[in-house]
PDB file of N, CA and C in Angstrom:
ATOM      1  N   UNK A   1      95.004  35.869  72.912  1.00  0.00           N
ATOM      2  CA  UNK A   1      94.750  35.060  74.087  1.00  0.00           C
ATOM      3  C   UNK A   1      93.608  35.688  74.871  1.00  0.00           C
ATOM      4  N   UNK A   2      92.682  34.866  75.299  1.00  0.00           N
ATOM      5  CA  UNK A   2      91.570  35.320  76.140  1.00  0.00           C
ATOM      6  C   UNK A   2      91.868  34.965  77.587  1.00  0.00           C
ATOM      7  N   UNK A   3      91.723  35.936  78.454  1.00  0.00           N
ATOM      8  CA  UNK A   3      91.922  35.731  79.889  1.00  0.00           C
ATOM      9  C   UNK A   3      90.587  35.977  80.572  1.00  0.00           C
ATOM     10  N   UNK A   4      90.096  34.983  81.304  1.00  0.00           N
ATOM     11  CA  UNK A   4      88.788  35.065  81.945  1.00  0.00           C
ATOM     12  C   UNK A   4      88.950  35.196  83.452  1.00  0.00           C
ATOM     13  N   UNK A   5      88.461  36.323  84.000  1.00  0.00           N
ATOM     14  CA  UNK A   5      88.488  36.486  85.450  1.00  0.00           C
ATOM     15  C   UNK A   5      87.073  36.301  85.985  1.00  0.00           C
ATOM     16  N   UNK A   6      86.889  36.498  87.281  1.00  0.00           N
ATOM     17  CA  UNK A   6      85.587  36.225  87.904  1.00  0.00           C
ATOM     18  C   UNK A   6      84.476  37.114  87.346  1.00  0.00           C
ATOM     19  N   UNK A   7      84.807  38.329  86.920  1.00  0.00           N
ATOM     20  CA  UNK A   7      83.769  39.206  86.379  1.00  0.00           C
ATOM     21  C   UNK A   7      83.218  38.690  85.058  1.00  0.00           C
ATOM     22  N   UNK A   8      83.975  37.875  84.350  1.00  0.00           N
ATOM     23  CA  UNK A   8      83.507  37.255  83.115  1.00  0.00           C
ATOM     24  C   UNK A   8      82.928  35.865  83.377  1.00  0.00           C
ATOM     25  N   UNK A   9      83.470  35.150  84.335  1.00  0.00           N
ATOM     26  CA  UNK A   9      82.996  33.795  84.611  1.00  0.00           C
ATOM     27  C   UNK A   9      81.636  33.773  85.288  1.00  0.00           C
ATOM     28  N   UNK A  10      81.420  34.650  86.244  1.00  0.00           N
ATOM     29  CA  UNK A  10      80.168  34.628  87.007  1.00  0.00           C
ATOM     30  C   UNK A  10      78.928  34.779  86.117  1.00  0.00           C
ATOM     31  N   UNK A  11      78.920  35.690  85.125  1.00  0.00           N
ATOM     32  CA  UNK A  11      77.741  35.780  84.256  1.00  0.00           C
ATOM     33  C   UNK A  11      77.513  34.536  83.387  1.00  0.00           C
ATOM     34  N   UNK A  12      78.501  33.673  83.309  1.00  0.00           N
ATOM     35  CA  UNK A  12      78.328  32.423  82.566  1.00  0.00           C
ATOM     36  C   UNK A  12      77.661  31.345  83.411  1.00  0.00           C
ATOM     37  N   UNK A  13      77.716  31.492  84.725  1.00  0.00           N
ATOM     38  CA  UNK A  13      77.188  30.429  85.584  1.00  0.00           C
ATOM     39  C   UNK A  13      75.922  30.831  86.333  1.00  0.00           C
ATOM     40  N   UNK A  14      75.660  32.140  86.443  1.00  0.00           N
ATOM     41  CA  UNK A  14      74.412  32.627  87.024  1.00  0.00           C
ATOM     42  C   UNK A  14      73.885  33.755  86.140  1.00  0.00           C
ATOM     43  N   UNK A  15      72.585  33.932  86.125  1.00  0.00           N
ATOM     44  CA  UNK A  15      71.988  34.964  85.280  1.00  0.00           C
ATOM     45  C   UNK A  15      72.289  36.345  85.838  1.00  0.00           C
ATOM     46  N   UNK A  16      72.921  37.173  85.019  1.00  0.00           N
ATOM     47  CA  UNK A  16      73.229  38.559  85.347  1.00  0.00           C
ATOM     48  C   UNK A  16      72.951  39.401  84.108  1.00  0.00           C
ATOM     49  N   UNK A  17      72.873  40.720  84.245  1.00  0.00           N
ATOM     50  CA  UNK A  17      72.634  41.556  83.065  1.00  0.00           C
ATOM     51  C   UNK A  17      73.660  41.334  81.942  1.00  0.00           C
ATOM     52  N   UNK A  18      74.900  41.052  82.293  1.00  0.00           N
ATOM     53  CA  UNK A  18      75.949  40.871  81.291  1.00  0.00           C
ATOM     54  C   UNK A  18      75.972  39.466  80.680  1.00  0.00           C
ATOM     55  N   UNK A  19      75.160  38.550  81.179  1.00  0.00           N
ATOM     56  CA  UNK A  19      75.214  37.148  80.733  1.00  0.00           C
ATOM     57  C   UNK A  19      75.109  36.965  79.220  1.00  0.00           C
ATOM     58  N   UNK A  20      74.150  37.576  78.518  1.00  0.00           N
ATOM     59  CA  UNK A  20      74.064  37.348  77.073  1.00  0.00           C
ATOM     60  C   UNK A  20      75.323  37.767  76.307  1.00  0.00           C
ATOM     61  N   UNK A  21      75.884  38.923  76.663  1.00  0.00           N
ATOM     62  CA  UNK A  21      77.081  39.414  75.984  1.00  0.00           C
ATOM     63  C   UNK A  21      78.278  38.510  76.274  1.00  0.00           C
ATOM     64  N   UNK A  22      78.429  38.115  77.521  1.00  0.00           N
ATOM     65  CA  UNK A  22      79.560  37.268  77.906  1.00  0.00           C
ATOM     66  C   UNK A  22      79.459  35.910  77.217  1.00  0.00           C
ATOM     67  N   UNK A  23      78.252  35.369  77.092  1.00  0.00           N
ATOM     68  CA  UNK A  23      78.072  34.093  76.382  1.00  0.00           C
ATOM     69  C   UNK A  23      78.465  34.215  74.912  1.00  0.00           C
ATOM     70  N   UNK A  24      78.146  35.343  74.294  1.00  0.00           N
ATOM     71  CA  UNK A  24      78.538  35.566  72.897  1.00  0.00           C
ATOM     72  C   UNK A  24      80.057  35.613  72.763  1.00  0.00           C
ATOM     73  N   UNK A  25      80.715  36.283  73.686  1.00  0.00           N
ATOM     74  CA  UNK A  25      82.179  36.358  73.669  1.00  0.00           C
ATOM     75  C   UNK A  25      82.764  34.957  73.815  1.00  0.00           C
ATOM     76  N   UNK A  26      82.196  34.156  74.706  1.00  0.00           N
ATOM     77  CA  UNK A  26      82.670  32.781  74.895  1.00  0.00           C
ATOM     78  C   UNK A  26      82.528  31.981  73.602  1.00  0.00           C
ATOM     79  N   UNK A  27      81.400  32.133  72.914  1.00  0.00           N
ATOM     80  CA  UNK A  27      81.182  31.410  71.666  1.00  0.00           C
ATOM     81  C   UNK A  27      82.206  31.794  70.604  1.00  0.00           C
ATOM     82  N   UNK A  28      82.548  33.079  70.539  1.00  0.00           N
ATOM     83  CA  UNK A  28      83.471  33.571  69.521  1.00  0.00           C
ATOM     84  C   UNK A  28      84.926  33.255  69.874  1.00  0.00           C
ATOM     85  N   UNK A  29      85.319  33.538  71.097  1.00  0.00           N
ATOM     86  CA  UNK A  29      86.727  33.418  71.493  1.00  0.00           C
ATOM     87  C   UNK A  29      87.074  32.104  72.181  1.00  0.00           C
ATOM     88  N   UNK A  30      86.107  31.487  72.808  1.00  0.00           N
ATOM     89  CA  UNK A  30      86.386  30.281  73.571  1.00  0.00           C
ATOM     90  C   UNK A  30      87.061  30.598  74.892  1.00  0.00           C
ATOM     91  N   UNK A  31      87.207  29.581  75.702  1.00  0.00           N
ATOM     92  CA  UNK A  31      87.856  29.722  77.002  1.00  0.00           C
ATOM     93  C   UNK A  31      89.338  29.432  76.802  1.00  0.00           C
ATOM     94  N   UNK A  32      90.194  30.354  77.171  1.00  0.00           N
ATOM     95  CA  UNK A  32      91.634  30.152  76.986  1.00  0.00           C
ATOM     96  C   UNK A  32      92.367  29.997  78.317  1.00  0.00           C
ATOM     97  N   UNK A  33      92.341  31.045  79.107  1.00  0.00           N
ATOM     98  CA  UNK A  33      93.114  31.031  80.347  1.00  0.00           C
ATOM     99  C   UNK A  33      92.281  31.587  81.494  1.00  0.00           C
ATOM    100  N   UNK A  34      92.324  30.888  82.613  1.00  0.00           N
ATOM    101  CA  UNK A  34      91.620  31.303  83.831  1.00  0.00           C
ATOM    102  C   UNK A  34      92.642  31.333  84.961  1.00  0.00           C
ATOM    103  N   UNK A  35      92.624  32.388  85.748  1.00  0.00           N
ATOM    104  CA  UNK A  35      93.495  32.474  86.921  1.00  0.00           C
ATOM    105  C   UNK A  35      92.833  31.678  88.025  1.00  0.00           C
ATOM    106  N   UNK A  36      93.590  30.893  88.760  1.00  0.00           N
ATOM    107  CA  UNK A  36      93.027  30.031  89.807  1.00  0.00           C
ATOM    108  C   UNK A  36      92.200  30.823  90.803  1.00  0.00           C
ATOM    109  N   UNK A  37      92.615  32.035  91.139  1.00  0.00           N
ATOM    110  CA  UNK A  37      91.890  32.820  92.134  1.00  0.00           C
ATOM    111  C   UNK A  37      90.523  33.254  91.620  1.00  0.00           C
ATOM    112  N   UNK A  38      90.346  33.305  90.300  1.00  0.00           N
ATOM    113  CA  UNK A  38      89.032  33.622  89.746  1.00  0.00           C
ATOM    114  C   UNK A  38      88.016  32.578  90.186  1.00  0.00           C
ATOM    115  N   UNK A  39      88.448  31.345  90.253  1.00  0.00           N
ATOM    116  CA  UNK A  39      87.558  30.274  90.695  1.00  0.00           C
ATOM    117  C   UNK A  39      87.204  30.448  92.168  1.00  0.00           C
ATOM    118  N   UNK A  40      88.153  30.874  92.964  1.00  0.00           N
ATOM    119  CA  UNK A  40      87.892  31.130  94.385  1.00  0.00           C
ATOM    120  C   UNK A  40      86.963  32.334  94.528  1.00  0.00           C
ATOM    121  N   UNK A  41      87.189  33.378  93.734  1.00  0.00           N
ATOM    122  CA  UNK A  41      86.319  34.554  93.777  1.00  0.00           C
ATOM    123  C   UNK A  41      84.883  34.194  93.393  1.00  0.00           C
ATOM    124  N   UNK A  42      84.730  33.346  92.389  1.00  0.00           N
ATOM    125  CA  UNK A  42      83.383  32.910  91.995  1.00  0.00           C
ATOM    126  C   UNK A  42      82.744  32.087  93.105  1.00  0.00           C
ATOM    127  N   UNK A  43      83.523  31.218  93.722  1.00  0.00           N
ATOM    128  CA  UNK A  43      83.013  30.430  94.859  1.00  0.00           C
ATOM    129  C   UNK A  43      82.521  31.372  95.953  1.00  0.00           C
ATOM    130  N   UNK A  44      83.282  32.417  96.220  1.00  0.00           N
ATOM    131  CA  UNK A  44      82.900  33.397  97.234  1.00  0.00           C
ATOM    132  C   UNK A  44      81.601  34.104  96.851  1.00  0.00           C
ATOM    133  N   UNK A  45      81.472  34.507  95.599  1.00  0.00           N
ATOM    134  CA  UNK A  45      80.264  35.197  95.142  1.00  0.00           C
ATOM    135  C   UNK A  45      79.047  34.289  95.246  1.00  0.00           C
ATOM    136  N   UNK A  46      79.210  33.023  94.909  1.00  0.00           N
ATOM    137  CA  UNK A  46      78.098  32.077  95.014  1.00  0.00           C
ATOM    138  C   UNK A  46      77.701  31.868  96.473  1.00  0.00           C
ATOM    139  N   UNK A  47      78.684  31.716  97.333  1.00  0.00           N
ATOM    140  CA  UNK A  47      78.414  31.525  98.760  1.00  0.00           C
ATOM    141  C   UNK A  47      77.705  32.751  99.339  1.00  0.00           C
ATOM    142  N   UNK A  48      78.127  33.929  98.905  1.00  0.00           N
ATOM    143  CA  UNK A  48      77.490  35.164  99.364  1.00  0.00           C
ATOM    144  C   UNK A  48      76.015  35.186  98.959  1.00  0.00           C
ATOM    145  N   UNK A  49      75.714  34.707  97.763  1.00  0.00           N
ATOM    146  CA  UNK A  49      74.316  34.655  97.305  1.00  0.00           C
ATOM    147  C   UNK A  49      73.493  33.665  98.134  1.00  0.00           C
ATOM    148  N   UNK A  50      74.105  32.550  98.510  1.00  0.00           N
ATOM    149  CA  UNK A  50      73.397  31.577  99.350  1.00  0.00           C
ATOM    150  C   UNK A  50      73.100  32.199 100.709  1.00  0.00           C
ATOM    151  N   UNK A  51      74.086  32.839 101.300  1.00  0.00           N
ATOM    152  CA  UNK A  51      73.909  33.455 102.620  1.00  0.00           C
ATOM    153  C   UNK A  51      72.872  34.568 102.600  1.00  0.00           C
ATOM    154  N   UNK A  52      72.765  35.256 101.464  1.00  0.00           N
ATOM    155  CA  UNK A  52      71.792  36.347 101.345  1.00  0.00           C
ATOM    156  C   UNK A  52      70.403  35.838 100.978  1.00  0.00           C
ATOM    157  N   UNK A  53      70.281  34.529 100.758  1.00  0.00           N
ATOM    158  CA  UNK A  53      68.994  33.957 100.391  1.00  0.00           C
ATOM    159  C   UNK A  53      68.631  34.160  98.929  1.00  0.00           C
ATOM    160  N   UNK A  54      69.604  34.548  98.105  1.00  0.00           N
ATOM    161  CA  UNK A  54      69.365  34.796  96.685  1.00  0.00           C
ATOM    162  C   UNK A  54      69.555  33.538  95.839  1.00  0.00           C
ATOM    163  N   UNK A  55      70.100  32.482  96.444  1.00  0.00           N
ATOM    164  CA  UNK A  55      70.408  31.262  95.713  1.00  0.00           C
ATOM    165  C   UNK A  55      70.301  30.095  96.683  1.00  0.00           C
ATOM    166  N   UNK A  56      69.778  28.976  96.216  1.00  0.00           N
ATOM    167  CA  UNK A  56      69.708  27.792  97.072  1.00  0.00           C
ATOM    168  C   UNK A  56      71.066  27.088  97.073  1.00  0.00           C
ATOM    169  N   UNK A  57      71.275  26.255  98.072  1.00  0.00           N
ATOM    170  CA  UNK A  57      72.512  25.481  98.149  1.00  0.00           C
ATOM    171  C   UNK A  57      72.628  24.561  96.929  1.00  0.00           C
ATOM    172  N   UNK A  58      71.516  23.979  96.496  1.00  0.00           N
ATOM    173  CA  UNK A  58      71.509  23.097  95.319  1.00  0.00           C
ATOM    174  C   UNK A  58      71.907  23.874  94.066  1.00  0.00           C
ATOM    175  N   UNK A  59      71.368  25.079  93.900  1.00  0.00           N
ATOM    176  CA  UNK A  59      71.733  25.906  92.744  1.00  0.00           C
ATOM    177  C   UNK A  59      73.210  26.282  92.791  1.00  0.00           C
ATOM    178  N   UNK A  60      73.719  26.516  93.999  1.00  0.00           N
ATOM    179  CA  UNK A  60      75.140  26.839  94.138  1.00  0.00           C
ATOM    180  C   UNK A  60      75.993  25.665  93.671  1.00  0.00           C
ATOM    181  N   UNK A  61      75.640  24.456  94.080  1.00  0.00           N
ATOM    182  CA  UNK A  61      76.401  23.268  93.669  1.00  0.00           C
ATOM    183  C   UNK A  61      76.366  23.097  92.150  1.00  0.00           C
ATOM    184  N   UNK A  62      75.216  23.331  91.543  1.00  0.00           N
ATOM    185  CA  UNK A  62      75.114  23.235  90.082  1.00  0.00           C
ATOM    186  C   UNK A  62      75.977  24.292  89.404  1.00  0.00           C
ATOM    187  N   UNK A  63      75.972  25.508  89.945  1.00  0.00           N
ATOM    188  CA  UNK A  63      76.799  26.584  89.391  1.00  0.00           C
ATOM    189  C   UNK A  63      78.280  26.242  89.515  1.00  0.00           C
ATOM    190  N   UNK A  64      78.665  25.625  90.622  1.00  0.00           N
ATOM    191  CA  UNK A  64      80.071  25.228  90.807  1.00  0.00           C
ATOM    192  C   UNK A  64      80.476  24.155  89.796  1.00  0.00           C
ATOM    193  N   UNK A  65      79.565  23.253  89.458  1.00  0.00           N
ATOM    194  CA  UNK A  65      79.856  22.233  88.436  1.00  0.00           C
ATOM    195  C   UNK A  65      80.068  22.895  87.083  1.00  0.00           C
ATOM    196  N   UNK A  66      79.222  23.850  86.748  1.00  0.00           N
ATOM    197  CA  UNK A  66      79.386  24.576  85.483  1.00  0.00           C
ATOM    198  C   UNK A  66      80.722  25.310  85.477  1.00  0.00           C
ATOM    199  N   UNK A  67      81.056  25.939  86.588  1.00  0.00           N
ATOM    200  CA  UNK A  67      82.321  26.667  86.708  1.00  0.00           C
ATOM    201  C   UNK A  67      83.509  25.740  86.477  1.00  0.00           C
ATOM    202  N   UNK A  68      83.475  24.563  87.080  1.00  0.00           N
ATOM    203  CA  UNK A  68      84.577  23.605  86.894  1.00  0.00           C
ATOM    204  C   UNK A  68      84.694  23.177  85.434  1.00  0.00           C
ATOM    205  N   UNK A  69      83.561  22.950  84.780  1.00  0.00           N
ATOM    206  CA  UNK A  69      83.597  22.563  83.360  1.00  0.00           C
ATOM    207  C   UNK A  69      84.161  23.689  82.501  1.00  0.00           C
ATOM    208  N   UNK A  70      83.768  24.915  82.790  1.00  0.00           N
ATOM    209  CA  UNK A  70      84.294  26.051  82.038  1.00  0.00           C
ATOM    210  C   UNK A  70      85.802  26.182  82.223  1.00  0.00           C
ATOM    211  N   UNK A  71      86.240  26.064  83.459  1.00  0.00           N
ATOM    212  CA  UNK A  71      87.670  26.194  83.751  1.00  0.00           C
ATOM    213  C   UNK A  71      88.470  25.079  83.092  1.00  0.00           C
ATOM    214  N   UNK A  72      87.872  23.899  82.977  1.00  0.00           N
ATOM    215  CA  UNK A  72      88.568  22.768  82.356  1.00  0.00           C
ATOM    216  C   UNK A  72      88.711  22.959  80.844  1.00  0.00           C
ATOM    217  N   UNK A  73      87.923  23.877  80.269  1.00  0.00           N
ATOM    218  CA  UNK A  73      87.967  24.103  78.831  1.00  0.00           C
ATOM    219  C   UNK A  73      89.134  24.941  78.368  1.00  0.00           C
ATOM    220  N   UNK A  74      89.921  25.454  79.267  1.00  0.00           N
ATOM    221  CA  UNK A  74      91.073  26.271  78.904  1.00  0.00           C
ATOM    222  C   UNK A  74      92.201  26.033  79.875  1.00  0.00           C
ATOM    223  N   UNK A  75      93.247  26.806  79.750  1.00  0.00           N
ATOM    224  CA  UNK A  75      94.369  26.692  80.671  1.00  0.00           C
ATOM    225  C   UNK A  75      94.068  27.420  81.967  1.00  0.00           C
ATOM    226  N   UNK A  76      94.732  27.005  83.009  1.00  0.00           N
ATOM    227  CA  UNK A  76      94.563  27.665  84.302  1.00  0.00           C
ATOM    228  C   UNK A  76      95.930  28.048  84.834  1.00  0.00           C
ATOM    229  N   UNK A  77      96.066  29.312  85.211  1.00  0.00           N
ATOM    230  CA  UNK A  77      97.280  29.764  85.874  1.00  0.00           C
ATOM    231  C   UNK A  77      97.216  29.174  87.265  1.00  0.00           C
ATOM    232  N   UNK A  78      98.119  28.265  87.568  1.00  0.00           N
ATOM    233  CA  UNK A  78      98.039  27.442  88.776  1.00  0.00           C
ATOM    234  C   UNK A  78      98.599  28.133  90.018  1.00  0.00           C
ATOM    235  N   UNK A  79      97.990  27.854  91.182  1.00  0.00           N
ATOM    236  CA  UNK A  79      98.524  28.330  92.458  1.00  0.00           C
ATOM    237  C   UNK A  79      99.365  27.236  93.095  1.00  0.00           C
ATOM    238  N   UNK A  80      99.933  27.579  94.204  1.00  0.00           N
ATOM    239  CA  UNK A  80     100.471  26.555  95.070  1.00  0.00           C
ATOM    240  C   UNK A  80      99.237  25.848  95.635  1.00  0.00           C
ATOM    241  N   UNK A  81      99.097  24.525  95.496  1.00  0.00           N
ATOM    242  CA  UNK A  81      97.860  23.836  95.900  1.00  0.00           C
ATOM    243  C   UNK A  81      97.385  24.153  97.317  1.00  0.00           C
ATOM    244  N   UNK A  82      98.286  24.265  98.263  1.00  0.00           N
ATOM    245  CA  UNK A  82      97.896  24.539  99.641  1.00  0.00           C
ATOM    246  C   UNK A  82      97.205  25.898  99.769  1.00  0.00           C
ATOM    247  N   UNK A  83      97.663  26.884  99.001  1.00  0.00           N
ATOM    248  CA  UNK A  83      97.072  28.221  99.064  1.00  0.00           C
ATOM    249  C   UNK A  83      95.631  28.174  98.570  1.00  0.00           C
ATOM    250  N   UNK A  84      95.381  27.500  97.438  1.00  0.00           N
ATOM    251  CA  UNK A  84      94.022  27.419  96.918  1.00  0.00           C
ATOM    252  C   UNK A  84      93.122  26.662  97.891  1.00  0.00           C
ATOM    253  N   UNK A  85      93.604  25.549  98.411  1.00  0.00           N
ATOM    254  CA  UNK A  85      92.818  24.746  99.355  1.00  0.00           C
ATOM    255  C   UNK A  85      92.370  25.580 100.545  1.00  0.00           C
ATOM    256  N   UNK A  86      93.299  26.307 101.108  1.00  0.00           N
ATOM    257  CA  UNK A  86      92.992  27.124 102.283  1.00  0.00           C
ATOM    258  C   UNK A  86      92.036  28.256 101.940  1.00  0.00           C
ATOM    259  N   UNK A  87      92.218  28.874 100.790  1.00  0.00           N
ATOM    260  CA  UNK A  87      91.338  29.971 100.390  1.00  0.00           C
ATOM    261  C   UNK A  87      89.896  29.495 100.267  1.00  0.00           C
ATOM    262  N   UNK A  88      89.685  28.362  99.625  1.00  0.00           N
ATOM    263  CA  UNK A  88      88.335  27.836  99.451  1.00  0.00           C
ATOM    264  C   UNK A  88      87.756  27.403 100.791  1.00  0.00           C
ATOM    265  N   UNK A  89      88.549  26.752 101.635  1.00  0.00           N
ATOM    266  CA  UNK A  89      88.042  26.299 102.934  1.00  0.00           C
ATOM    267  C   UNK A  89      87.668  27.477 103.825  1.00  0.00           C
ATOM    268  N   UNK A  90      88.422  28.565 103.766  1.00  0.00           N
ATOM    269  CA  UNK A  90      88.094  29.747 104.566  1.00  0.00           C
ATOM    270  C   UNK A  90      86.737  30.318 104.176  1.00  0.00           C
ATOM    271  N   UNK A  91      86.417  30.260 102.899  1.00  0.00           N
ATOM    272  CA  UNK A  91      85.133  30.795 102.441  1.00  0.00           C
ATOM    273  C   UNK A  91      83.964  29.993 102.974  1.00  0.00           C
ATOM    274  N   UNK A  92      84.177  28.727 103.279  1.00  0.00           N
ATOM    275  CA  UNK A  92      83.104  27.869 103.751  1.00  0.00           C
ATOM    276  C   UNK A  92      82.877  27.951 105.261  1.00  0.00           C
ATOM    277  N   UNK A  93      83.785  28.591 105.989  1.00  0.00           N
ATOM    278  CA  UNK A  93      83.612  28.694 107.436  1.00  0.00           C
ATOM    279  C   UNK A  93      82.481  29.661 107.756  1.00  0.00           C
ATOM    280  N   UNK A  94      81.654  29.340 108.753  1.00  0.00           N
ATOM    281  CA  UNK A  94      80.526  30.223 109.087  1.00  0.00           C
ATOM    282  C   UNK A  94      81.005  31.547 109.659  1.00  0.00           C
ATOM    283  N   UNK A  95      80.250  32.583 109.360  1.00  0.00           N
ATOM    284  CA  UNK A  95      80.533  33.920 109.884  1.00  0.00           C
ATOM    285  C   UNK A  95      79.434  34.281 110.859  1.00  0.00           C
ATOM    286  N   UNK A  96      79.761  35.061 111.850  1.00  0.00           N
ATOM    287  CA  UNK A  96      78.715  35.533 112.760  1.00  0.00           C
ATOM    288  C   UNK A  96      77.944  36.656 112.068  1.00  0.00           C
ATOM    289  N   UNK A  97      76.689  36.821 112.421  1.00  0.00           N
ATOM    290  CA  UNK A  97      75.808  37.792 111.764  1.00  0.00           C
ATOM    291  C   UNK A  97      76.392  39.202 111.842  1.00  0.00           C
ATOM    292  N   UNK A  98      76.403  39.886 110.726  1.00  0.00           N
ATOM    293  CA  UNK A  98      76.851  41.269 110.674  1.00  0.00           C
ATOM    294  C   UNK A  98      78.354  41.461 110.719  1.00  0.00           C
ATOM    295  N   UNK A  99      79.120  40.403 110.809  1.00  0.00           N
ATOM    296  CA  UNK A  99      80.571  40.512 110.902  1.00  0.00           C
ATOM    297  C   UNK A  99      81.188  40.467 109.517  1.00  0.00           C
ATOM    298  N   UNK A 100      82.155  41.322 109.276  1.00  0.00           N
ATOM    299  CA  UNK A 100      82.881  41.312 108.008  1.00  0.00           C
ATOM    300  C   UNK A 100      84.276  40.778 108.233  1.00  0.00           C
ATOM    301  N   UNK A 101      84.907  40.369 107.134  1.00  0.00           N
ATOM    302  CA  UNK A 101      86.274  39.887 107.224  1.00  0.00           C
ATOM    303  C   UNK A 101      86.305  38.391 107.432  1.00  0.00           C
ATOM    304  N   UNK A 102      87.498  37.860 107.667  1.00  0.00           N
ATOM    305  CA  UNK A 102      87.641  36.411 107.826  1.00  0.00           C
ATOM    306  C   UNK A 102      86.858  35.902 109.021  1.00  0.00           C
ATOM    307  N   UNK A 103      86.393  34.656 108.967  1.00  0.00           N
ATOM    308  CA  UNK A 103      85.681  34.078 110.101  1.00  0.00           C
ATOM    309  C   UNK A 103      86.545  34.066 111.354  1.00  0.00           C
ATOM    310  N   UNK A 104      85.902  34.129 112.503  1.00  0.00           N
ATOM    311  CA  UNK A 104      86.610  34.121 113.779  1.00  0.00           C
ATOM    312  C   UNK A 104      87.509  32.893 113.853  1.00  0.00           C
ATOM    313  N   UNK A 105      88.745  33.092 114.253  1.00  0.00           N
ATOM    314  CA  UNK A 105      89.685  31.991 114.411  1.00  0.00           C
ATOM    315  C   UNK A 105      90.375  31.580 113.136  1.00  0.00           C
ATOM    316  N   UNK A 106      90.021  32.181 111.994  1.00  0.00           N
ATOM    317  CA  UNK A 106      90.608  31.737 110.736  1.00  0.00           C
ATOM    318  C   UNK A 106      92.075  32.123 110.608  1.00  0.00           C
ATOM    319  N   UNK A 107      92.467  33.116 111.363  1.00  0.00           N
ATOM    320  CA  UNK A 107      93.875  33.512 111.274  1.00  0.00           C
ATOM    321  C   UNK A 107      94.795  32.565 112.022  1.00  0.00           C
ATOM    322  N   UNK A 108      94.245  31.819 112.941  1.00  0.00           N
ATOM    323  CA  UNK A 108      95.111  30.939 113.719  1.00  0.00           C
ATOM    324  C   UNK A 108      94.987  29.473 113.323  1.00  0.00           C
ATOM    325  N   UNK A 109      93.772  28.996 112.994  1.00  0.00           N
ATOM    326  CA  UNK A 109      93.599  27.583 112.688  1.00  0.00           C
ATOM    327  C   UNK A 109      92.587  27.384 111.581  1.00  0.00           C
ATOM    328  N   UNK A 110      92.834  26.393 110.774  1.00  0.00           N
ATOM    329  CA  UNK A 110      91.886  25.950 109.768  1.00  0.00           C
ATOM    330  C   UNK A 110      91.906  24.440 109.839  1.00  0.00           C
ATOM    331  N   UNK A 111      90.843  23.865 110.375  1.00  0.00           N
ATOM    332  CA  UNK A 111      90.859  22.429 110.606  1.00  0.00           C
ATOM    333  C   UNK A 111      91.925  22.135 111.640  1.00  0.00           C
ATOM    334  N   UNK A 112      92.814  21.213 111.339  1.00  0.00           N
ATOM    335  CA  UNK A 112      93.895  20.877 112.252  1.00  0.00           C
ATOM    336  C   UNK A 112      95.219  21.495 111.839  1.00  0.00           C
ATOM    337  N   UNK A 113      95.179  22.353 110.816  1.00  0.00           N
ATOM    338  CA  UNK A 113      96.427  22.934 110.306  1.00  0.00           C
ATOM    339  C   UNK A 113      96.513  24.409 110.672  1.00  0.00           C
ATOM    340  N   UNK A 114      97.680  24.848 111.026  1.00  0.00           N
ATOM    341  CA  UNK A 114      97.898  26.258 111.304  1.00  0.00           C
ATOM    342  C   UNK A 114      97.956  27.026 109.993  1.00  0.00           C
ATOM    343  N   UNK A 115      97.296  28.176 109.947  1.00  0.00           N
ATOM    344  CA  UNK A 115      97.309  28.986 108.739  1.00  0.00           C
ATOM    345  C   UNK A 115      98.619  29.722 108.542  1.00  0.00           C
ATOM    346  N   UNK A 116      99.317  29.957 109.631  1.00  0.00           N
ATOM    347  CA  UNK A 116     100.565  30.697 109.494  1.00  0.00           C
ATOM    348  C   UNK A 116     101.733  29.791 109.130  1.00  0.00           C
ATOM    349  N   UNK A 117     101.453  28.523 108.782  1.00  0.00           N
ATOM    350  CA  UNK A 117     102.490  27.636 108.296  1.00  0.00           C
ATOM    351  C   UNK A 117     103.004  28.190 106.980  1.00  0.00           C
ATOM    352  N   UNK A 118     104.315  28.352 106.828  1.00  0.00           N
ATOM    353  CA  UNK A 118     104.827  28.914 105.583  1.00  0.00           C
ATOM    354  C   UNK A 118     104.436  28.062 104.380  1.00  0.00           C
ATOM    355  N   UNK A 119     104.049  28.742 103.306  1.00  0.00           N
ATOM    356  CA  UNK A 119     103.715  28.053 102.056  1.00  0.00           C
ATOM    357  C   UNK A 119     104.855  28.270 101.071  1.00  0.00           C
ATOM    358  N   UNK A 120     105.316  27.214 100.421  1.00  0.00           N
ATOM    359  CA  UNK A 120     106.362  27.395  99.414  1.00  0.00           C
ATOM    360  C   UNK A 120     105.801  28.139  98.214  1.00  0.00           C
ATOM    361  N   UNK A 121     106.472  29.166  97.761  1.00  0.00           N
ATOM    362  CA  UNK A 121     106.015  29.912  96.589  1.00  0.00           C
ATOM    363  C   UNK A 121     106.971  29.766  95.451  1.00  0.00           C
TER     364      UNK A 121
END
């Protein structure tokens, strides 16, 4: 069984030093299983590149389409849908310059929903 995490997925969607080797592994083994959080981690890495000026918003959208196609090619270890939704939405919230960690206010509200609402696990 092949398990693909963000460190293997990212070189498939953006050019990195490991990209040629990872593509060869994909050709030989195929895509089998992806953890849902790997997709969120890749989304975060792409967003970080946009914020750093290393990638355009259009290139990010294209990379996300490739990521979705790759993930659809194998099984995905599923999350509770609300957890994944919130994780991805938090990554899209603007951060103030030089600030690390979650965006201001993310611990209390996300849209119109409270983040501290219990999630069924």
